[in-house]
């Protein structure tokens, strides 16, 4: 089973399992990965979805964008994008890692 690990911020190290259900990420407290302390994240910022054995991330028209890659080589995603195990992604000011 894949997990999302908080890779920065006040919850650094926290793990959230990724199953068959969509994982919603954002500032709103009703999100699967809620980051209410990050004012740069949109209320409904991004979604993770599982299709077969692949995990995808999709920005939900957030104000500040969703990024993949390393901090110095991050790329803003513009469409649904596959995440590989070990990849970092950024929502607002918080980094996450798919493991």
PDB file of N, CA and C in Angstrom:
ATOM      1  N   UNK A   1       0.842  -1.185   0.000  1.00  0.00           N
ATOM      2  CA  UNK A   1       0.000   0.000   0.000  1.00  0.00           C
ATOM      3  C   UNK A   1       0.886   1.248   0.000  1.00  0.00           C
ATOM      4  N   UNK A   2       0.520   2.195  -0.819  1.00  0.00           N
ATOM      5  CA  UNK A   2       1.266   3.447  -0.906  1.00  0.00           C
ATOM      6  C   UNK A   2       0.854   4.369   0.246  1.00  0.00           C
ATOM      7  N   UNK A   3       1.759   5.268   0.601  1.00  0.00           N
ATOM      8  CA  UNK A   3       1.477   6.259   1.625  1.00  0.00           C
ATOM      9  C   UNK A   3       1.976   7.618   1.165  1.00  0.00           C
ATOM     10  N   UNK A   4       1.326   8.648   1.686  1.00  0.00           N
ATOM     11  CA  UNK A   4       1.790  10.007   1.514  1.00  0.00           C
ATOM     12  C   UNK A   4       2.410  10.413   2.843  1.00  0.00           C
ATOM     13  N   UNK A   5       3.626  10.912   2.803  1.00  0.00           N
ATOM     14  CA  UNK A   5       4.324  11.353   4.004  1.00  0.00           C
ATOM     15  C   UNK A   5       4.456  12.867   3.958  1.00  0.00           C
ATOM     16  N   UNK A   6       4.045  13.538   5.038  1.00  0.00           N
ATOM     17  CA  UNK A   6       4.308  14.968   5.159  1.00  0.00           C
ATOM     18  C   UNK A   6       5.822  15.125   5.244  1.00  0.00           C
ATOM     19  N   UNK A   7       6.389  15.890   4.353  1.00  0.00           N
ATOM     20  CA  UNK A   7       7.842  16.006   4.224  1.00  0.00           C
ATOM     21  C   UNK A   7       8.351  17.354   4.741  1.00  0.00           C
ATOM     22  N   UNK A   8       7.431  18.209   5.188  1.00  0.00           N
ATOM     23  CA  UNK A   8       7.801  19.497   5.775  1.00  0.00           C
ATOM     24  C   UNK A   8       6.608  20.008   6.575  1.00  0.00           C
ATOM     25  N   UNK A   9       6.800  21.105   7.264  1.00  0.00           N
ATOM     26  CA  UNK A   9       5.712  21.719   8.016  1.00  0.00           C
ATOM     27  C   UNK A   9       5.532  21.107   9.389  1.00  0.00           C
ATOM     28  N   UNK A  10       4.506  21.557  10.101  1.00  0.00           N
ATOM     29  CA  UNK A  10       4.309  21.120  11.487  1.00  0.00           C
ATOM     30  C   UNK A  10       3.955  19.636  11.632  1.00  0.00           C
ATOM     31  N   UNK A  11       3.544  18.996  10.557  1.00  0.00           N
ATOM     32  CA  UNK A  11       3.208  17.569  10.631  1.00  0.00           C
ATOM     33  C   UNK A  11       4.270  16.691   9.975  1.00  0.00           C
ATOM     34  N   UNK A  12       5.468  17.216   9.817  1.00  0.00           N
ATOM     35  CA  UNK A  12       6.575  16.501   9.177  1.00  0.00           C
ATOM     36  C   UNK A  12       6.665  15.066   9.711  1.00  0.00           C
ATOM     37  N   UNK A  13       6.657  14.095   8.803  1.00  0.00           N
ATOM     38  CA  UNK A  13       6.758  12.688   9.173  1.00  0.00           C
ATOM     39  C   UNK A  13       5.426  11.962   9.266  1.00  0.00           C
ATOM     40  N   UNK A  14       4.323  12.689   9.347  1.00  0.00           N
ATOM     41  CA  UNK A  14       3.004  12.044   9.420  1.00  0.00           C
ATOM     42  C   UNK A  14       2.730  11.282   8.124  1.00  0.00           C
ATOM     43  N   UNK A  15       2.150  10.083   8.253  1.00  0.00           N
ATOM     44  CA  UNK A  15       1.865   9.244   7.091  1.00  0.00           C
ATOM     45  C   UNK A  15       0.359   9.064   6.925  1.00  0.00           C
ATOM     46  N   UNK A  16      -0.076   9.116   5.668  1.00  0.00           N
ATOM     47  CA  UNK A  16      -1.487   8.917   5.334  1.00  0.00           C
ATOM     48  C   UNK A  16      -1.547   7.857   4.239  1.00  0.00           C
ATOM     49  N   UNK A  17      -2.265   6.751   4.460  1.00  0.00           N
ATOM     50  CA  UNK A  17      -2.340   5.707   3.440  1.00  0.00           C
ATOM     51  C   UNK A  17      -3.126   6.169   2.214  1.00  0.00           C
ATOM     52  N   UNK A  18      -2.708   5.680   1.066  1.00  0.00           N
ATOM     53  CA  UNK A  18      -3.409   5.951  -0.188  1.00  0.00           C
ATOM     54  C   UNK A  18      -4.053   4.642  -0.619  1.00  0.00           C
ATOM     55  N   UNK A  19      -5.364   4.624  -0.619  1.00  0.00           N
ATOM     56  CA  UNK A  19      -6.110   3.433  -1.029  1.00  0.00           C
ATOM     57  C   UNK A  19      -6.784   3.686  -2.356  1.00  0.00           C
ATOM     58  N   UNK A  20      -7.928   3.070  -2.542  1.00  0.00           N
ATOM     59  CA  UNK A  20      -8.661   3.221  -3.803  1.00  0.00           C
ATOM     60  C   UNK A  20      -9.485   4.499  -3.845  1.00  0.00           C
ATOM     61  N   UNK A  21      -9.742   5.088  -2.678  1.00  0.00           N
ATOM     62  CA  UNK A  21     -10.525   6.321  -2.631  1.00  0.00           C
ATOM     63  C   UNK A  21      -9.657   7.516  -2.999  1.00  0.00           C
ATOM     64  N   UNK A  22     -10.299   8.521  -3.549  1.00  0.00           N
ATOM     65  CA  UNK A  22      -9.610   9.764  -3.879  1.00  0.00           C
ATOM     66  C   UNK A  22      -9.119  10.414  -2.591  1.00  0.00           C
ATOM     67  N   UNK A  23      -7.928  10.989  -2.634  1.00  0.00           N
ATOM     68  CA  UNK A  23      -7.371  11.747  -1.519  1.00  0.00           C
ATOM     69  C   UNK A  23      -7.432  13.216  -1.905  1.00  0.00           C
ATOM     70  N   UNK A  24      -8.188  13.989  -1.151  1.00  0.00           N
ATOM     71  CA  UNK A  24      -8.292  15.415  -1.433  1.00  0.00           C
ATOM     72  C   UNK A  24      -7.328  16.172  -0.511  1.00  0.00           C
ATOM     73  N   UNK A  25      -6.707  17.204  -1.067  1.00  0.00           N
ATOM     74  CA  UNK A  25      -5.710  17.979  -0.330  1.00  0.00           C
ATOM     75  C   UNK A  25      -6.107  19.447  -0.390  1.00  0.00           C
ATOM     76  N   UNK A  26      -6.045  20.118   0.757  1.00  0.00           N
ATOM     77  CA  UNK A  26      -6.337  21.540   0.771  1.00  0.00           C
ATOM     78  C   UNK A  26      -6.417  22.107   2.166  1.00  0.00           C
ATOM     79  N   UNK A  27      -6.693  23.389   2.222  1.00  0.00           N
ATOM     80  CA  UNK A  27      -6.764  24.122   3.484  1.00  0.00           C
ATOM     81  C   UNK A  27      -8.054  23.800   4.259  1.00  0.00           C
ATOM     82  N   UNK A  28      -9.092  23.391   3.557  1.00  0.00           N
ATOM     83  CA  UNK A  28     -10.366  23.078   4.203  1.00  0.00           C
ATOM     84  C   UNK A  28     -10.206  21.868   5.118  1.00  0.00           C
ATOM     85  N   UNK A  29     -10.832  21.939   6.287  1.00  0.00           N
ATOM     86  CA  UNK A  29     -10.674  20.858   7.267  1.00  0.00           C
ATOM     87  C   UNK A  29     -11.385  19.573   6.893  1.00  0.00           C
ATOM     88  N   UNK A  30     -12.227  19.589   5.848  1.00  0.00           N
ATOM     89  CA  UNK A  30     -12.905  18.359   5.432  1.00  0.00           C
ATOM     90  C   UNK A  30     -12.089  17.568   4.414  1.00  0.00           C
ATOM     91  N   UNK A  31     -10.889  18.003   4.097  1.00  0.00           N
ATOM     92  CA  UNK A  31     -10.028  17.309   3.133  1.00  0.00           C
ATOM     93  C   UNK A  31      -9.330  16.121   3.798  1.00  0.00           C
ATOM     94  N   UNK A  32      -9.028  15.102   3.018  1.00  0.00           N
ATOM     95  CA  UNK A  32      -8.304  13.935   3.526  1.00  0.00           C
ATOM     96  C   UNK A  32      -6.954  14.360   4.089  1.00  0.00           C
ATOM     97  N   UNK A  33      -6.247  15.201   3.338  1.00  0.00           N
ATOM     98  CA  UNK A  33      -4.995  15.810   3.797  1.00  0.00           C
ATOM     99  C   UNK A  33      -5.276  17.292   4.003  1.00  0.00           C
ATOM    100  N   UNK A  34      -5.710  17.630   5.197  1.00  0.00           N
ATOM    101  CA  UNK A  34      -6.048  19.009   5.514  1.00  0.00           C
ATOM    102  C   UNK A  34      -4.817  19.741   6.036  1.00  0.00           C
ATOM    103  N   UNK A  35      -4.548  20.901   5.448  1.00  0.00           N
ATOM    104  CA  UNK A  35      -3.422  21.727   5.890  1.00  0.00           C
ATOM    105  C   UNK A  35      -3.948  23.142   6.198  1.00  0.00           C
ATOM    106  N   UNK A  36      -4.811  23.249   7.232  1.00  0.00           N
ATOM    107  CA  UNK A  36      -5.473  24.523   7.537  1.00  0.00           C
ATOM    108  C   UNK A  36      -4.507  25.621   7.972  1.00  0.00           C
ATOM    109  N   UNK A  37      -3.312  25.248   8.391  1.00  0.00           N
ATOM    110  CA  UNK A  37      -2.305  26.203   8.856  1.00  0.00           C
ATOM    111  C   UNK A  37      -1.541  26.863   7.709  1.00  0.00           C
ATOM    112  N   UNK A  38      -1.765  26.426   6.471  1.00  0.00           N
ATOM    113  CA  UNK A  38      -1.020  26.960   5.337  1.00  0.00           C
ATOM    114  C   UNK A  38      -1.909  27.875   4.492  1.00  0.00           C
ATOM    115  N   UNK A  39      -1.764  29.164   4.685  1.00  0.00           N
ATOM    116  CA  UNK A  39      -2.567  30.146   3.978  1.00  0.00           C
ATOM    117  C   UNK A  39      -2.301  30.224   2.487  1.00  0.00           C
ATOM    118  N   UNK A  40      -1.219  29.595   1.996  1.00  0.00           N
ATOM    119  CA  UNK A  40      -0.933  29.609   0.555  1.00  0.00           C
ATOM    120  C   UNK A  40      -1.610  28.459  -0.173  1.00  0.00           C
ATOM    121  N   UNK A  41      -2.179  27.521   0.582  1.00  0.00           N
ATOM    122  CA  UNK A  41      -2.925  26.414  -0.031  1.00  0.00           C
ATOM    123  C   UNK A  41      -4.375  26.856  -0.238  1.00  0.00           C
ATOM    124  N   UNK A  42      -4.957  26.443  -1.345  1.00  0.00           N
ATOM    125  CA  UNK A  42      -6.372  26.714  -1.594  1.00  0.00           C
ATOM    126  C   UNK A  42      -7.221  25.773  -0.740  1.00  0.00           C
ATOM    127  N   UNK A  43      -8.481  26.152  -0.532  1.00  0.00           N
ATOM    128  CA  UNK A  43      -9.366  25.280   0.259  1.00  0.00           C
ATOM    129  C   UNK A  43      -9.474  23.899  -0.384  1.00  0.00           C
ATOM    130  N   UNK A  44      -9.625  23.863  -1.681  1.00  0.00           N
ATOM    131  CA  UNK A  44      -9.631  22.612  -2.441  1.00  0.00           C
ATOM    132  C   UNK A  44      -8.490  22.729  -3.436  1.00  0.00           C
ATOM    133  N   UNK A  45      -7.325  22.244  -3.063  1.00  0.00           N
ATOM    134  CA  UNK A  45      -6.105  22.510  -3.819  1.00  0.00           C
ATOM    135  C   UNK A  45      -5.795  21.450  -4.878  1.00  0.00           C
ATOM    136  N   UNK A  46      -5.798  20.170  -4.473  1.00  0.00           N
ATOM    137  CA  UNK A  46      -5.408  19.094  -5.395  1.00  0.00           C
ATOM    138  C   UNK A  46      -6.055  17.786  -4.964  1.00  0.00           C
ATOM    139  N   UNK A  47      -6.102  16.844  -5.901  1.00  0.00           N
ATOM    140  CA  UNK A  47      -6.614  15.502  -5.616  1.00  0.00           C
ATOM    141  C   UNK A  47      -5.590  14.468  -6.052  1.00  0.00           C
ATOM    142  N   UNK A  48      -5.498  13.395  -5.272  1.00  0.00           N
ATOM    143  CA  UNK A  48      -4.734  12.206  -5.656  1.00  0.00           C
ATOM    144  C   UNK A  48      -5.745  11.117  -5.974  1.00  0.00           C
ATOM    145  N   UNK A  49      -5.466  10.355  -7.016  1.00  0.00           N
ATOM    146  CA  UNK A  49      -6.340   9.240  -7.355  1.00  0.00           C
ATOM    147  C   UNK A  49      -5.488   8.030  -7.720  1.00  0.00           C
ATOM    148  N   UNK A  50      -6.046   6.861  -7.493  1.00  0.00           N
ATOM    149  CA  UNK A  50      -5.368   5.608  -7.820  1.00  0.00           C
ATOM    150  C   UNK A  50      -6.114   4.961  -8.973  1.00  0.00           C
ATOM    151  N   UNK A  51      -5.370   4.609 -10.005  1.00  0.00           N
ATOM    152  CA  UNK A  51      -5.930   3.917 -11.162  1.00  0.00           C
ATOM    153  C   UNK A  51      -5.063   2.691 -11.404  1.00  0.00           C
ATOM    154  N   UNK A  52      -5.586   1.536 -11.029  1.00  0.00           N
ATOM    155  CA  UNK A  52      -4.791   0.312 -11.105  1.00  0.00           C
ATOM    156  C   UNK A  52      -3.670   0.391 -10.088  1.00  0.00           C
ATOM    157  N   UNK A  53      -2.429   0.290 -10.551  1.00  0.00           N
ATOM    158  CA  UNK A  53      -1.285   0.392  -9.651  1.00  0.00           C
ATOM    159  C   UNK A  53      -0.572   1.738  -9.780  1.00  0.00           C
ATOM    160  N   UNK A  54      -1.244   2.724 -10.377  1.00  0.00           N
ATOM    161  CA  UNK A  54      -0.651   4.045 -10.574  1.00  0.00           C
ATOM    162  C   UNK A  54      -1.360   5.086  -9.716  1.00  0.00           C
ATOM    163  N   UNK A  55      -0.594   6.086  -9.263  1.00  0.00           N
ATOM    164  CA  UNK A  55      -1.134   7.187  -8.474  1.00  0.00           C
ATOM    165  C   UNK A  55      -0.979   8.466  -9.287  1.00  0.00           C
ATOM    166  N   UNK A  56      -2.043   9.249  -9.347  1.00  0.00           N
ATOM    167  CA  UNK A  56      -2.035  10.497 -10.109  1.00  0.00           C
ATOM    168  C   UNK A  56      -2.367  11.664  -9.189  1.00  0.00           C
ATOM    169  N   UNK A  57      -1.804  12.827  -9.519  1.00  0.00           N
ATOM    170  CA  UNK A  57      -2.131  14.061  -8.817  1.00  0.00           C
ATOM    171  C   UNK A  57      -2.701  15.041  -9.830  1.00  0.00           C
ATOM    172  N   UNK A  58      -3.706  15.800  -9.389  1.00  0.00           N
ATOM    173  CA  UNK A  58      -4.336  16.771 -10.270  1.00  0.00           C
ATOM    174  C   UNK A  58      -4.613  18.048  -9.487  1.00  0.00           C
ATOM    175  N   UNK A  59      -4.133  19.166  -9.992  1.00  0.00           N
ATOM    176  CA  UNK A  59      -4.404  20.463  -9.388  1.00  0.00           C
ATOM    177  C   UNK A  59      -5.861  20.830  -9.654  1.00  0.00           C
ATOM    178  N   UNK A  60      -6.531  21.393  -8.659  1.00  0.00           N
ATOM    179  CA  UNK A  60      -7.951  21.746  -8.786  1.00  0.00           C
ATOM    180  C   UNK A  60      -8.110  23.260  -8.973  1.00  0.00           C
ATOM    181  N   UNK A  61      -7.346  23.803  -9.930  1.00  0.00           N
ATOM    182  CA  UNK A  61      -7.383  25.243 -10.225  1.00  0.00           C
ATOM    183  C   UNK A  61      -7.016  26.086  -9.013  1.00  0.00           C
ATOM    184  N   UNK A  62      -6.004  25.634  -8.273  1.00  0.00           N
ATOM    185  CA  UNK A  62      -5.557  26.364  -7.093  1.00  0.00           C
ATOM    186  C   UNK A  62      -4.897  27.686  -7.493  1.00  0.00           C
ATOM    187  N   UNK A  63      -4.890  28.606  -6.570  1.00  0.00           N
ATOM    188  CA  UNK A  63      -4.290  29.913  -6.818  1.00  0.00           C
ATOM    189  C   UNK A  63      -2.782  29.821  -6.993  1.00  0.00           C
ATOM    190  N   UNK A  64      -2.119  29.065  -6.126  1.00  0.00           N
ATOM    191  CA  UNK A  64      -0.651  29.026  -6.115  1.00  0.00           C
ATOM    192  C   UNK A  64      -0.035  27.798  -6.770  1.00  0.00           C
ATOM    193  N   UNK A  65      -0.848  26.918  -7.316  1.00  0.00           N
ATOM    194  CA  UNK A  65      -0.341  25.775  -8.068  1.00  0.00           C
ATOM    195  C   UNK A  65       0.086  24.595  -7.229  1.00  0.00           C
ATOM    196  N   UNK A  66       0.266  23.475  -7.915  1.00  0.00           N
ATOM    197  CA  UNK A  66       0.760  22.225  -7.348  1.00  0.00           C
ATOM    198  C   UNK A  66       2.025  21.876  -8.112  1.00  0.00           C
ATOM    199  N   UNK A  67       3.058  21.455  -7.393  1.00  0.00           N
ATOM    200  CA  UNK A  67       4.365  21.221  -7.991  1.00  0.00           C
ATOM    201  C   UNK A  67       4.840  19.802  -7.708  1.00  0.00           C
ATOM    202  N   UNK A  68       5.630  19.246  -8.618  1.00  0.00           N
ATOM    203  CA  UNK A  68       6.304  17.967  -8.399  1.00  0.00           C
ATOM    204  C   UNK A  68       7.793  18.188  -8.582  1.00  0.00           C
ATOM    205  N   UNK A  69       8.597  17.303  -8.017  1.00  0.00           N
ATOM    206  CA  UNK A  69      10.048  17.385  -8.165  1.00  0.00           C
ATOM    207  C   UNK A  69      10.714  17.834  -6.883  1.00  0.00           C
ATOM    208  N   UNK A  70      11.979  18.159  -6.997  1.00  0.00           N
ATOM    209  CA  UNK A  70      12.764  18.630  -5.859  1.00  0.00           C
ATOM    210  C   UNK A  70      12.545  20.127  -5.680  1.00  0.00           C
ATOM    211  N   UNK A  71      12.887  20.636  -4.513  1.00  0.00           N
ATOM    212  CA  UNK A  71      12.670  22.054  -4.231  1.00  0.00           C
ATOM    213  C   UNK A  71      13.362  22.959  -5.250  1.00  0.00           C
ATOM    214  N   UNK A  72      14.564  22.594  -5.671  1.00  0.00           N
ATOM    215  CA  UNK A  72      15.297  23.432  -6.623  1.00  0.00           C
ATOM    216  C   UNK A  72      14.944  23.132  -8.071  1.00  0.00           C
ATOM    217  N   UNK A  73      14.207  22.037  -8.311  1.00  0.00           N
ATOM    218  CA  UNK A  73      13.845  21.644  -9.675  1.00  0.00           C
ATOM    219  C   UNK A  73      12.362  21.333  -9.776  1.00  0.00           C
ATOM    220  N   UNK A  74      11.549  22.084  -9.069  1.00  0.00           N
ATOM    221  CA  UNK A  74      10.109  21.786  -9.068  1.00  0.00           C
ATOM    222  C   UNK A  74       9.459  22.284 -10.357  1.00  0.00           C
ATOM    223  N   UNK A  75       8.412  21.558 -10.750  1.00  0.00           N
ATOM    224  CA  UNK A  75       7.670  21.860 -11.970  1.00  0.00           C
ATOM    225  C   UNK A  75       6.200  21.981 -11.615  1.00  0.00           C
ATOM    226  N   UNK A  76       5.569  23.057 -12.045  1.00  0.00           N
ATOM    227  CA  UNK A  76       4.131  23.239 -11.803  1.00  0.00           C
ATOM    228  C   UNK A  76       3.360  22.338 -12.755  1.00  0.00           C
ATOM    229  N   UNK A  77       2.447  21.531 -12.205  1.00  0.00           N
ATOM    230  CA  UNK A  77       1.672  20.648 -13.062  1.00  0.00           C
ATOM    231  C   UNK A  77       0.467  21.398 -13.616  1.00  0.00           C
ATOM    232  N   UNK A  78       0.121  21.082 -14.832  1.00  0.00           N
ATOM    233  CA  UNK A  78      -0.996  21.744 -15.499  1.00  0.00           C
ATOM    234  C   UNK A  78      -2.111  20.753 -15.847  1.00  0.00           C
ATOM    235  N   UNK A  79      -1.820  19.476 -15.688  1.00  0.00           N
ATOM    236  CA  UNK A  79      -2.808  18.442 -15.980  1.00  0.00           C
ATOM    237  C   UNK A  79      -2.579  17.278 -15.032  1.00  0.00           C
ATOM    238  N   UNK A  80      -3.486  16.327 -15.047  1.00  0.00           N
ATOM    239  CA  UNK A  80      -3.352  15.127 -14.229  1.00  0.00           C
ATOM    240  C   UNK A  80      -2.012  14.476 -14.534  1.00  0.00           C
ATOM    241  N   UNK A  81      -1.223  14.226 -13.478  1.00  0.00           N
ATOM    242  CA  UNK A  81       0.151  13.778 -13.643  1.00  0.00           C
ATOM    243  C   UNK A  81       0.418  12.553 -12.774  1.00  0.00           C
ATOM    244  N   UNK A  82       1.081  11.562 -13.335  1.00  0.00           N
ATOM    245  CA  UNK A  82       1.408  10.363 -12.567  1.00  0.00           C
ATOM    246  C   UNK A  82       2.538  10.649 -11.591  1.00  0.00           C
ATOM    247  N   UNK A  83       2.381  10.143 -10.372  1.00  0.00           N
ATOM    248  CA  UNK A  83       3.422  10.218  -9.354  1.00  0.00           C
ATOM    249  C   UNK A  83       4.089   8.855  -9.230  1.00  0.00           C
ATOM    250  N   UNK A  84       5.386   8.837  -9.228  1.00  0.00           N
ATOM    251  CA  UNK A  84       6.146   7.614  -9.010  1.00  0.00           C
ATOM    252  C   UNK A  84       6.497   7.510  -7.526  1.00  0.00           C
ATOM    253  N   UNK A  85       6.686   6.306  -7.036  1.00  0.00           N
ATOM    254  CA  UNK A  85       7.110   6.108  -5.658  1.00  0.00           C
ATOM    255  C   UNK A  85       8.409   6.872  -5.412  1.00  0.00           C
ATOM    256  N   UNK A  86       8.458   7.592  -4.312  1.00  0.00           N
ATOM    257  CA  UNK A  86       9.644   8.381  -3.966  1.00  0.00           C
ATOM    258  C   UNK A  86       9.580   9.829  -4.429  1.00  0.00           C
ATOM    259  N   UNK A  87       8.579  10.169  -5.248  1.00  0.00           N
ATOM    260  CA  UNK A  87       8.476  11.544  -5.759  1.00  0.00           C
ATOM    261  C   UNK A  87       7.971  12.495  -4.688  1.00  0.00           C
ATOM    262  N   UNK A  88       8.494  13.711  -4.738  1.00  0.00           N
ATOM    263  CA  UNK A  88       8.026  14.785  -3.883  1.00  0.00           C
ATOM    264  C   UNK A  88       7.010  15.622  -4.646  1.00  0.00           C
ATOM    265  N   UNK A  89       6.036  16.146  -3.918  1.00  0.00           N
ATOM    266  CA  UNK A  89       5.119  17.114  -4.512  1.00  0.00           C
ATOM    267  C   UNK A  89       4.782  18.168  -3.466  1.00  0.00           C
ATOM    268  N   UNK A  90       4.440  19.361  -3.952  1.00  0.00           N
ATOM    269  CA  UNK A  90       4.232  20.509  -3.075  1.00  0.00           C
ATOM    270  C   UNK A  90       2.842  21.089  -3.286  1.00  0.00           C
ATOM    271  N   UNK A  91       2.152  21.288  -2.171  1.00  0.00           N
ATOM    272  CA  UNK A  91       0.842  21.939  -2.149  1.00  0.00           C
ATOM    273  C   UNK A  91       0.983  23.106  -1.171  1.00  0.00           C
ATOM    274  N   UNK A  92       0.760  24.334  -1.644  1.00  0.00           N
ATOM    275  CA  UNK A  92       1.009  25.488  -0.796  1.00  0.00           C
ATOM    276  C   UNK A  92       2.480  25.514  -0.422  1.00  0.00           C
ATOM    277  N   UNK A  93       2.775  25.602   0.863  1.00  0.00           N
ATOM    278  CA  UNK A  93       4.167  25.572   1.329  1.00  0.00           C
ATOM    279  C   UNK A  93       4.573  24.227   1.910  1.00  0.00           C
ATOM    280  N   UNK A  94       3.719  23.225   1.764  1.00  0.00           N
ATOM    281  CA  UNK A  94       3.983  21.915   2.364  1.00  0.00           C
ATOM    282  C   UNK A  94       4.429  20.928   1.297  1.00  0.00           C
ATOM    283  N   UNK A  95       5.534  20.245   1.576  1.00  0.00           N
ATOM    284  CA  UNK A  95       6.035  19.182   0.718  1.00  0.00           C
ATOM    285  C   UNK A  95       5.530  17.842   1.210  1.00  0.00           C
ATOM    286  N   UNK A  96       5.211  16.955   0.289  1.00  0.00           N
ATOM    287  CA  UNK A  96       4.784  15.584   0.575  1.00  0.00           C
ATOM    288  C   UNK A  96       5.639  14.632  -0.264  1.00  0.00           C
ATOM    289  N   UNK A  97       5.684  13.384   0.182  1.00  0.00           N
ATOM    290  CA  UNK A  97       6.419  12.364  -0.578  1.00  0.00           C
ATOM    291  C   UNK A  97       5.539  11.132  -0.697  1.00  0.00           C
ATOM    292  N   UNK A  98       5.468  10.572  -1.919  1.00  0.00           N
ATOM    293  CA  UNK A  98       4.760   9.324  -2.137  1.00  0.00           C
ATOM    294  C   UNK A  98       5.722   8.181  -1.873  1.00  0.00           C
ATOM    295  N   UNK A  99       5.351   7.300  -0.957  1.00  0.00           N
ATOM    296  CA  UNK A  99       6.224   6.144  -0.639  1.00  0.00           C
ATOM    297  C   UNK A  99       5.415   4.856  -0.671  1.00  0.00           C
TER     298      UNK A  99
END
